[in-house]
N, C-alpha and C. Protein backbone atom coordinates (compact mmCIF):
# COMPACT_ATOMS: atom_id res chain seq x y z
N UNK A 1 65.74 -86.28 -4.55
CA UNK A 1 64.96 -85.37 -5.39
C UNK A 1 63.63 -86.05 -5.73
N UNK A 2 62.54 -85.35 -5.52
CA UNK A 2 61.23 -85.88 -5.89
C UNK A 2 61.04 -85.74 -7.40
N UNK A 3 60.01 -86.38 -7.91
CA UNK A 3 59.70 -86.25 -9.33
C UNK A 3 59.35 -84.79 -9.64
N UNK A 4 58.58 -84.16 -8.79
CA UNK A 4 58.22 -82.74 -8.97
C UNK A 4 59.47 -81.87 -9.00
N UNK A 5 60.38 -82.12 -8.06
CA UNK A 5 61.62 -81.35 -8.05
C UNK A 5 62.43 -81.58 -9.32
N UNK A 6 62.42 -82.81 -9.81
CA UNK A 6 63.13 -83.12 -11.06
C UNK A 6 62.50 -82.36 -12.22
N UNK A 7 61.17 -82.33 -12.28
CA UNK A 7 60.51 -81.59 -13.35
C UNK A 7 60.85 -80.11 -13.27
N UNK A 8 60.86 -79.56 -12.08
CA UNK A 8 61.19 -78.14 -11.91
C UNK A 8 62.66 -77.86 -12.26
N UNK A 9 63.55 -78.75 -11.85
CA UNK A 9 64.98 -78.58 -12.12
C UNK A 9 65.26 -78.63 -13.61
N UNK A 10 64.66 -79.59 -14.30
CA UNK A 10 64.84 -79.69 -15.75
C UNK A 10 64.28 -78.45 -16.43
N UNK A 11 63.11 -78.00 -16.01
CA UNK A 11 62.51 -76.81 -16.61
C UNK A 11 63.41 -75.59 -16.43
N UNK A 12 63.95 -75.44 -15.25
CA UNK A 12 64.85 -74.30 -14.99
C UNK A 12 66.09 -74.40 -15.87
N UNK A 13 66.67 -75.58 -15.98
CA UNK A 13 67.86 -75.76 -16.81
C UNK A 13 67.55 -75.45 -18.27
N UNK A 14 66.43 -76.00 -18.77
CA UNK A 14 66.06 -75.78 -20.17
C UNK A 14 65.89 -74.29 -20.45
N UNK A 15 65.24 -73.58 -19.57
CA UNK A 15 64.94 -72.17 -19.82
C UNK A 15 66.10 -71.22 -19.53
N UNK A 16 67.21 -71.74 -19.03
CA UNK A 16 68.40 -70.90 -18.82
C UNK A 16 69.53 -71.41 -19.71
N UNK A 17 70.11 -72.51 -19.33
CA UNK A 17 71.24 -73.07 -20.06
C UNK A 17 70.83 -73.60 -21.43
N UNK A 18 69.70 -74.26 -21.48
CA UNK A 18 69.25 -74.87 -22.73
C UNK A 18 68.55 -73.89 -23.66
N UNK A 19 68.29 -72.68 -23.21
CA UNK A 19 67.62 -71.61 -23.94
C UNK A 19 66.12 -71.85 -24.08
N UNK A 20 65.73 -72.98 -24.67
CA UNK A 20 64.31 -73.32 -24.81
C UNK A 20 64.20 -74.82 -25.08
N UNK A 21 62.98 -75.34 -24.94
CA UNK A 21 62.73 -76.75 -25.26
C UNK A 21 62.80 -76.96 -26.77
N UNK A 22 63.34 -78.11 -27.18
CA UNK A 22 63.14 -78.55 -28.56
C UNK A 22 61.65 -78.85 -28.69
N UNK A 23 61.12 -78.86 -29.90
CA UNK A 23 59.69 -79.17 -30.02
C UNK A 23 59.44 -80.63 -29.63
N UNK A 24 58.18 -80.94 -29.41
CA UNK A 24 57.80 -82.25 -28.89
C UNK A 24 58.23 -83.40 -29.81
N UNK A 25 58.12 -83.19 -31.10
CA UNK A 25 58.51 -84.25 -32.04
C UNK A 25 60.02 -84.48 -31.99
N UNK A 26 60.79 -83.41 -31.93
CA UNK A 26 62.24 -83.55 -31.82
C UNK A 26 62.60 -84.26 -30.52
N UNK A 27 61.97 -83.87 -29.42
CA UNK A 27 62.27 -84.53 -28.15
C UNK A 27 61.84 -85.99 -28.15
N UNK A 28 60.78 -86.33 -28.87
CA UNK A 28 60.39 -87.73 -28.97
C UNK A 28 61.47 -88.52 -29.72
N UNK A 29 61.99 -87.95 -30.78
CA UNK A 29 63.08 -88.61 -31.52
C UNK A 29 64.32 -88.75 -30.65
N UNK A 30 64.65 -87.72 -29.88
CA UNK A 30 65.80 -87.78 -28.97
C UNK A 30 65.57 -88.86 -27.92
N UNK A 31 64.35 -88.96 -27.41
CA UNK A 31 64.03 -90.00 -26.42
C UNK A 31 64.29 -91.39 -27.00
N UNK A 32 63.89 -91.60 -28.25
CA UNK A 32 64.11 -92.90 -28.89
C UNK A 32 65.61 -93.17 -29.04
N UNK A 33 66.38 -92.14 -29.39
CA UNK A 33 67.84 -92.29 -29.47
C UNK A 33 68.42 -92.73 -28.13
N UNK A 34 67.99 -92.05 -27.08
CA UNK A 34 68.53 -92.34 -25.74
C UNK A 34 68.13 -93.74 -25.28
N UNK A 35 66.90 -94.14 -25.56
CA UNK A 35 66.46 -95.50 -25.21
C UNK A 35 67.29 -96.52 -26.00
N UNK A 36 67.59 -96.20 -27.24
CA UNK A 36 68.45 -97.08 -28.04
C UNK A 36 69.83 -97.25 -27.44
N UNK A 37 70.37 -96.17 -26.88
CA UNK A 37 71.68 -96.26 -26.24
C UNK A 37 71.63 -97.16 -25.00
N UNK A 38 70.55 -97.05 -24.23
CA UNK A 38 70.38 -97.95 -23.08
C UNK A 38 70.27 -99.40 -23.57
N UNK A 39 69.49 -99.62 -24.63
CA UNK A 39 69.31 -100.97 -25.17
C UNK A 39 70.64 -101.55 -25.64
N UNK A 40 71.47 -100.73 -26.27
CA UNK A 40 72.77 -101.21 -26.75
C UNK A 40 73.63 -101.67 -25.57
N UNK A 41 73.66 -100.88 -24.51
CA UNK A 41 74.45 -101.25 -23.33
C UNK A 41 73.90 -102.54 -22.71
N UNK A 42 72.58 -102.61 -22.57
CA UNK A 42 71.96 -103.80 -21.97
C UNK A 42 72.27 -105.06 -22.78
N UNK A 43 72.22 -104.94 -24.11
CA UNK A 43 72.47 -106.13 -24.95
C UNK A 43 73.92 -106.58 -24.86
N UNK A 44 74.81 -105.64 -24.57
CA UNK A 44 76.22 -106.01 -24.46
C UNK A 44 76.57 -106.47 -23.04
N UNK A 45 76.00 -105.81 -22.05
CA UNK A 45 76.34 -106.15 -20.66
C UNK A 45 75.59 -107.39 -20.18
N UNK A 46 74.32 -107.53 -20.54
CA UNK A 46 73.50 -108.63 -20.03
C UNK A 46 73.08 -109.63 -21.10
N UNK A 47 73.25 -109.26 -22.36
CA UNK A 47 72.88 -110.14 -23.46
C UNK A 47 74.09 -110.82 -24.07
N UNK A 48 73.93 -111.29 -25.28
CA UNK A 48 74.96 -112.06 -25.95
C UNK A 48 75.94 -111.22 -26.75
N UNK A 49 75.63 -109.95 -26.99
CA UNK A 49 76.54 -109.13 -27.80
C UNK A 49 77.79 -108.78 -27.01
N UNK A 50 78.89 -108.63 -27.73
CA UNK A 50 80.14 -108.22 -27.08
C UNK A 50 80.30 -106.71 -27.21
N UNK A 51 81.06 -106.16 -26.29
CA UNK A 51 81.34 -104.73 -26.31
C UNK A 51 82.29 -104.39 -27.44
N UNK A 52 82.05 -103.25 -28.08
CA UNK A 52 83.00 -102.69 -29.03
C UNK A 52 83.93 -101.80 -28.21
N UNK A 53 85.08 -101.50 -28.75
CA UNK A 53 86.01 -100.61 -28.04
C UNK A 53 85.33 -99.31 -27.65
N UNK A 54 84.50 -98.76 -28.54
CA UNK A 54 83.83 -97.47 -28.29
C UNK A 54 82.77 -97.56 -27.22
N UNK A 55 82.32 -98.79 -26.87
CA UNK A 55 81.27 -98.97 -25.87
C UNK A 55 81.80 -99.31 -24.48
N UNK A 56 83.08 -99.58 -24.36
CA UNK A 56 83.62 -100.10 -23.10
C UNK A 56 83.52 -99.11 -21.94
N UNK A 57 83.56 -97.81 -22.22
CA UNK A 57 83.56 -96.82 -21.14
C UNK A 57 82.17 -96.25 -20.86
N UNK A 58 81.13 -96.83 -21.44
CA UNK A 58 79.79 -96.27 -21.25
C UNK A 58 79.30 -96.49 -19.82
N UNK A 59 78.44 -95.57 -19.38
CA UNK A 59 77.90 -95.59 -18.03
C UNK A 59 76.40 -95.78 -18.13
N UNK A 60 75.92 -96.96 -17.76
CA UNK A 60 74.49 -97.29 -17.88
C UNK A 60 73.63 -96.31 -17.11
N UNK A 61 74.04 -95.96 -15.90
CA UNK A 61 73.27 -95.01 -15.10
C UNK A 61 73.14 -93.66 -15.78
N UNK A 62 74.23 -93.20 -16.39
CA UNK A 62 74.21 -91.92 -17.09
C UNK A 62 73.27 -91.98 -18.29
N UNK A 63 73.29 -93.09 -19.00
CA UNK A 63 72.40 -93.24 -20.16
C UNK A 63 70.94 -93.31 -19.72
N UNK A 64 70.67 -93.99 -18.60
CA UNK A 64 69.30 -94.01 -18.08
C UNK A 64 68.86 -92.61 -17.65
N UNK A 65 69.78 -91.84 -17.08
CA UNK A 65 69.46 -90.47 -16.69
C UNK A 65 69.15 -89.62 -17.92
N UNK A 66 69.83 -89.87 -19.04
CA UNK A 66 69.51 -89.16 -20.28
C UNK A 66 68.07 -89.45 -20.71
N UNK A 67 67.66 -90.71 -20.61
CA UNK A 67 66.27 -91.09 -20.94
C UNK A 67 65.30 -90.34 -20.03
N UNK A 68 65.58 -90.34 -18.74
CA UNK A 68 64.72 -89.67 -17.78
C UNK A 68 64.63 -88.17 -18.05
N UNK A 69 65.76 -87.56 -18.36
CA UNK A 69 65.80 -86.12 -18.65
C UNK A 69 64.87 -85.77 -19.81
N UNK A 70 64.99 -86.51 -20.90
CA UNK A 70 64.17 -86.20 -22.08
C UNK A 70 62.70 -86.53 -21.81
N UNK A 71 62.42 -87.59 -21.07
CA UNK A 71 61.04 -87.91 -20.70
C UNK A 71 60.45 -86.78 -19.86
N UNK A 72 61.24 -86.25 -18.94
CA UNK A 72 60.77 -85.11 -18.13
C UNK A 72 60.54 -83.90 -19.01
N UNK A 73 61.40 -83.66 -19.98
CA UNK A 73 61.18 -82.55 -20.92
C UNK A 73 59.82 -82.70 -21.60
N UNK A 74 59.54 -83.88 -22.10
CA UNK A 74 58.26 -84.11 -22.78
C UNK A 74 57.08 -83.93 -21.83
N UNK A 75 57.22 -84.40 -20.60
CA UNK A 75 56.15 -84.20 -19.62
C UNK A 75 55.93 -82.72 -19.37
N UNK A 76 57.00 -81.98 -19.18
CA UNK A 76 56.87 -80.54 -18.96
C UNK A 76 56.21 -79.85 -20.14
N UNK A 77 56.60 -80.23 -21.34
CA UNK A 77 56.06 -79.59 -22.54
C UNK A 77 54.58 -79.87 -22.73
N UNK A 78 54.14 -81.03 -22.30
CA UNK A 78 52.75 -81.44 -22.55
C UNK A 78 51.86 -81.28 -21.32
N UNK A 79 52.41 -80.67 -20.27
CA UNK A 79 51.61 -80.39 -19.08
C UNK A 79 51.31 -81.61 -18.22
N UNK A 80 52.16 -82.61 -18.28
CA UNK A 80 51.95 -83.83 -17.50
C UNK A 80 52.67 -83.70 -16.15
N UNK A 81 51.94 -83.92 -15.07
CA UNK A 81 52.53 -84.01 -13.74
C UNK A 81 52.91 -85.48 -13.57
N UNK A 82 54.20 -85.77 -13.64
CA UNK A 82 54.64 -87.17 -13.61
C UNK A 82 54.36 -87.85 -12.28
N UNK A 83 54.34 -87.11 -11.19
CA UNK A 83 53.99 -87.72 -9.90
C UNK A 83 52.56 -88.24 -9.95
N UNK A 84 51.66 -87.39 -10.39
CA UNK A 84 50.24 -87.77 -10.50
C UNK A 84 50.07 -88.91 -11.50
N UNK A 85 50.75 -88.83 -12.64
CA UNK A 85 50.62 -89.86 -13.66
C UNK A 85 51.11 -91.21 -13.15
N UNK A 86 52.24 -91.21 -12.43
CA UNK A 86 52.77 -92.46 -11.89
C UNK A 86 51.85 -93.03 -10.81
N UNK A 87 51.31 -92.17 -9.96
CA UNK A 87 50.39 -92.63 -8.92
C UNK A 87 49.17 -93.28 -9.55
N UNK A 88 48.58 -92.65 -10.57
CA UNK A 88 47.42 -93.23 -11.26
C UNK A 88 47.79 -94.55 -11.93
N UNK A 89 48.98 -94.60 -12.52
CA UNK A 89 49.43 -95.79 -13.21
C UNK A 89 49.60 -96.95 -12.24
N UNK A 90 50.10 -96.68 -11.04
CA UNK A 90 50.29 -97.73 -10.04
C UNK A 90 48.94 -98.26 -9.55
N UNK A 91 47.95 -97.38 -9.41
CA UNK A 91 46.60 -97.83 -9.04
C UNK A 91 46.07 -98.78 -10.11
N UNK A 92 46.23 -98.37 -11.38
CA UNK A 92 45.78 -99.21 -12.49
C UNK A 92 46.47 -100.57 -12.46
N UNK A 93 47.79 -100.57 -12.28
CA UNK A 93 48.54 -101.83 -12.26
C UNK A 93 48.12 -102.71 -11.09
N UNK A 94 47.88 -102.11 -9.93
CA UNK A 94 47.48 -102.89 -8.76
C UNK A 94 46.13 -103.55 -8.94
N UNK A 95 45.24 -102.90 -9.67
CA UNK A 95 43.92 -103.49 -9.94
C UNK A 95 44.04 -104.54 -11.04
N UNK A 96 44.64 -104.16 -12.15
CA UNK A 96 44.72 -105.04 -13.31
C UNK A 96 45.57 -106.27 -13.06
N UNK A 97 46.65 -106.10 -12.33
CA UNK A 97 47.62 -107.18 -12.18
C UNK A 97 47.63 -107.82 -10.79
N UNK A 98 46.55 -107.63 -10.05
CA UNK A 98 46.50 -108.12 -8.67
C UNK A 98 46.91 -109.59 -8.58
N UNK A 99 46.44 -110.43 -9.48
CA UNK A 99 46.75 -111.85 -9.45
C UNK A 99 47.47 -112.33 -10.71
N UNK A 100 47.59 -111.47 -11.67
CA UNK A 100 48.13 -111.85 -12.98
C UNK A 100 49.51 -112.50 -12.87
N UNK A 101 50.44 -111.85 -12.20
CA UNK A 101 51.80 -112.38 -12.13
C UNK A 101 51.91 -113.56 -11.17
N UNK A 102 51.13 -113.52 -10.11
CA UNK A 102 51.12 -114.62 -9.16
C UNK A 102 50.63 -115.91 -9.83
N UNK A 103 49.75 -115.77 -10.80
CA UNK A 103 49.18 -116.93 -11.50
C UNK A 103 49.91 -117.29 -12.79
N UNK A 104 50.99 -116.61 -13.06
CA UNK A 104 51.76 -116.86 -14.29
C UNK A 104 52.74 -118.02 -14.05
N UNK A 105 52.48 -119.13 -14.69
CA UNK A 105 53.33 -120.31 -14.51
C UNK A 105 54.76 -120.06 -14.97
N UNK A 106 54.94 -119.14 -15.91
CA UNK A 106 56.28 -118.84 -16.41
C UNK A 106 57.16 -118.17 -15.35
N UNK A 107 56.55 -117.59 -14.34
CA UNK A 107 57.31 -116.88 -13.31
C UNK A 107 57.62 -117.75 -12.11
N UNK A 108 57.14 -118.97 -12.11
CA UNK A 108 57.36 -119.86 -10.95
C UNK A 108 58.57 -120.71 -11.13
C-alpha cells in the first residue's frame, strides 16, 4: 500500500465506519496517547522496565499502526499529502545531514 492509498483508505473508513473525523485537537491528543503506548512497549521490551501482566500480550506493530492511522487522519484533515511531505523532508535531510552523521564521533 502506498502512502496515498493509505490516506485514501483511512479517509474512506472514517467517512463510513467511523462516521466522521474527530476534530484536529482531539486527534492530536489521541496521537499522543498512541505514541505513549508505543513508548511504554519500547521501554519494557528494549529498556530497563519490566512488563506488567497487562502488557505481556501487546503487539508493537499494532501499536505503531495505531500511531500511523491517527497521523494519517491528521494529514487528511489538514490537507497534507504525506507522500509529498515525506519527499520534501528527505530532500531537506539529505542536504542538512549530508556529512553530519558521518562526522559524529559518537556514532563511530
